[in-house]
Amino acid sequence: MRALAIAAAGLAFASCSPAPERPNVLLITIDTLRADRLSGAGYPRATTPNLDALAAEGLRFTHAETPRAKTTPAIASLMTGLYPHGHGARDLLVPLGGDPPLLAERLRAAGWTTAAIVGNYVLIDRFSGLARGFDRWTEDLPDRQGVPPDDAPQRTARSMSDGALAELARQDGGEPWFLWLHYMDPHGLYDPPVEHRVFRSDVPEPIPDDPGHVAEYNVPPGCRMEDGRVDAARVRDLYDGEVRYADAEIGRVLDALRASGELERTIVIVTADHGESLGEHREWFEHGRDAYETTCRVPLLARLPALLPDRPAPGVRNGSVSLADVAPTLLDLLGLPPLAAEGFAVRGVSRRELLGGELPRPHPVFAEKIERTDQPGAVQSKAVRIDDWKMIRRYALDPEQRVVLVSEELFDLATDPGETRNLATDPPPAAPLARLQAELLRFASAEVKFEDLARRLEARRAELERVDPEALRVLQALGY
């Protein structure tokens, strides 16, 4: 039976009463999905009708943030409730160590059957270390041939949903289940199936002559003008088509759950590992190179079943939340103990009060960027956002190899969502400057490898080139 019987301890009469039915958990992560590309969030194109319908029955969070705009560190934070300095997976192909407990381990120990299907090469277990706690872990990437760029192995959205439906068919209706699906689309190269190439900009938009950084490997064929310049509008058309493709395939899974009646017994959470720069801040068709909102703000949707006590009313939630807060909040909802996080002053926390619409004291969320070592003295950027205020500090090494602050940015996201006006030199009175600085100092101080982290990661890549050149080739083909 799905219902759990528990003893009514402490009562004057001996009896047993059933505990609330334990819900299933479906966690869907969508690679490289910008928060502003959901049509239900105001995007004018009909990119996400299925996710919009899900959000209409549940909650949509407007201020969700990834701790780092790279897949492995972001997903590790989602699964551990820790920021990257806590869980240790600081970059792609730097696997999670064996110490931090994972969400799947906690759920399996509590009686959930657990399964995962991942569509991104960097998430296979030998590179990510994320398979712990899953009864079934599927990482085969069947869509290799013809998948650009350079035939990088991956599992595209249709194959992902086929696998998800097969996995759901295996459930026997006994114990509750936890299923994690990581969709690779809309990661570049943006190449949706023809039936999802429905968006077409009326006016070309050539990339400027001084464009900044352009990820040429993510520019699809047919997106250049007659003079050879990249048509950014056409690239964005295809990115939006990839979003539409992922949404349609996720819709197949949600429809199957609804038809079987399982949707009313399932917590559904949908989010992304990071967003994508599509020209903002002179970054074109890539992520991971900065800590701005285009890559660090992510969509976050949650649909809670009626069997949960005190199910919150559907609606929009505006309080800040980090991917590191998702696991603590879910475990709190399920009445399970939190994941161990002793010794980490900066970590994810349960945001359960936000689900019901409460707005407690503004909650800081953090992000980081590890600088490229080809920039002299570069170390890291650290960012904090408190509601609509965001501060970014960039650190480097001085000639004596001491960490020094080299720049600071302050943005009012309410009036400047594109982060185009740096207010740091003349902060407005409304800015919570002291708290932003204090929180950012707290986050930066938790970094025990501050000075040499970039060098360590570069050494890891050099080692990979020596021992596994094919892995490095695929990594480079994917733009990493």
Foldseek 3Di string as FASTA:
>chain_A
DQWDKDWPPPDPDTDIDTDFGAFAEEEEAEAAAFQVLDVLVPDVDNLFPLVNVQLQQAEWEDAEWFQFLAQQQRVVLLFQQFHCLQQVQPHQQSEGDPPGDTLLQQVVVVFAAEEEEEFDPSPDCNRHVPCPNHPYYHDAQPQQPPDDDVSQGGHALQNQLVVVVVVVVPDPPHYHYYYYYYHHPPFALLDAPPVLLPDDDPDFDFQDPPLADAPVRSQDPPQADPVGTGRLRSSVSSSSSRSNRNSVSVSVVVVVCVVVVSVLRYKYKYKYSWHFDCRFPSYHRGGQADRASRTTGMIIGIRHHPSQPPQAGRDYFQAHAYSSQNSQQVCVSSVTDHTDDPPDPDGHHHPVVSSNPDDPQFDKDKYKHAHAPVPPFFFIKIKIDGRQKIKIWTWGADPVLDIDTDDMFIDRCVVCVSRPDGCVVPPDPVDPVVVRVVVRCSVVVSNPCRRCPNVVVVVVLVVCCVPPVVVVVSVVRSPD
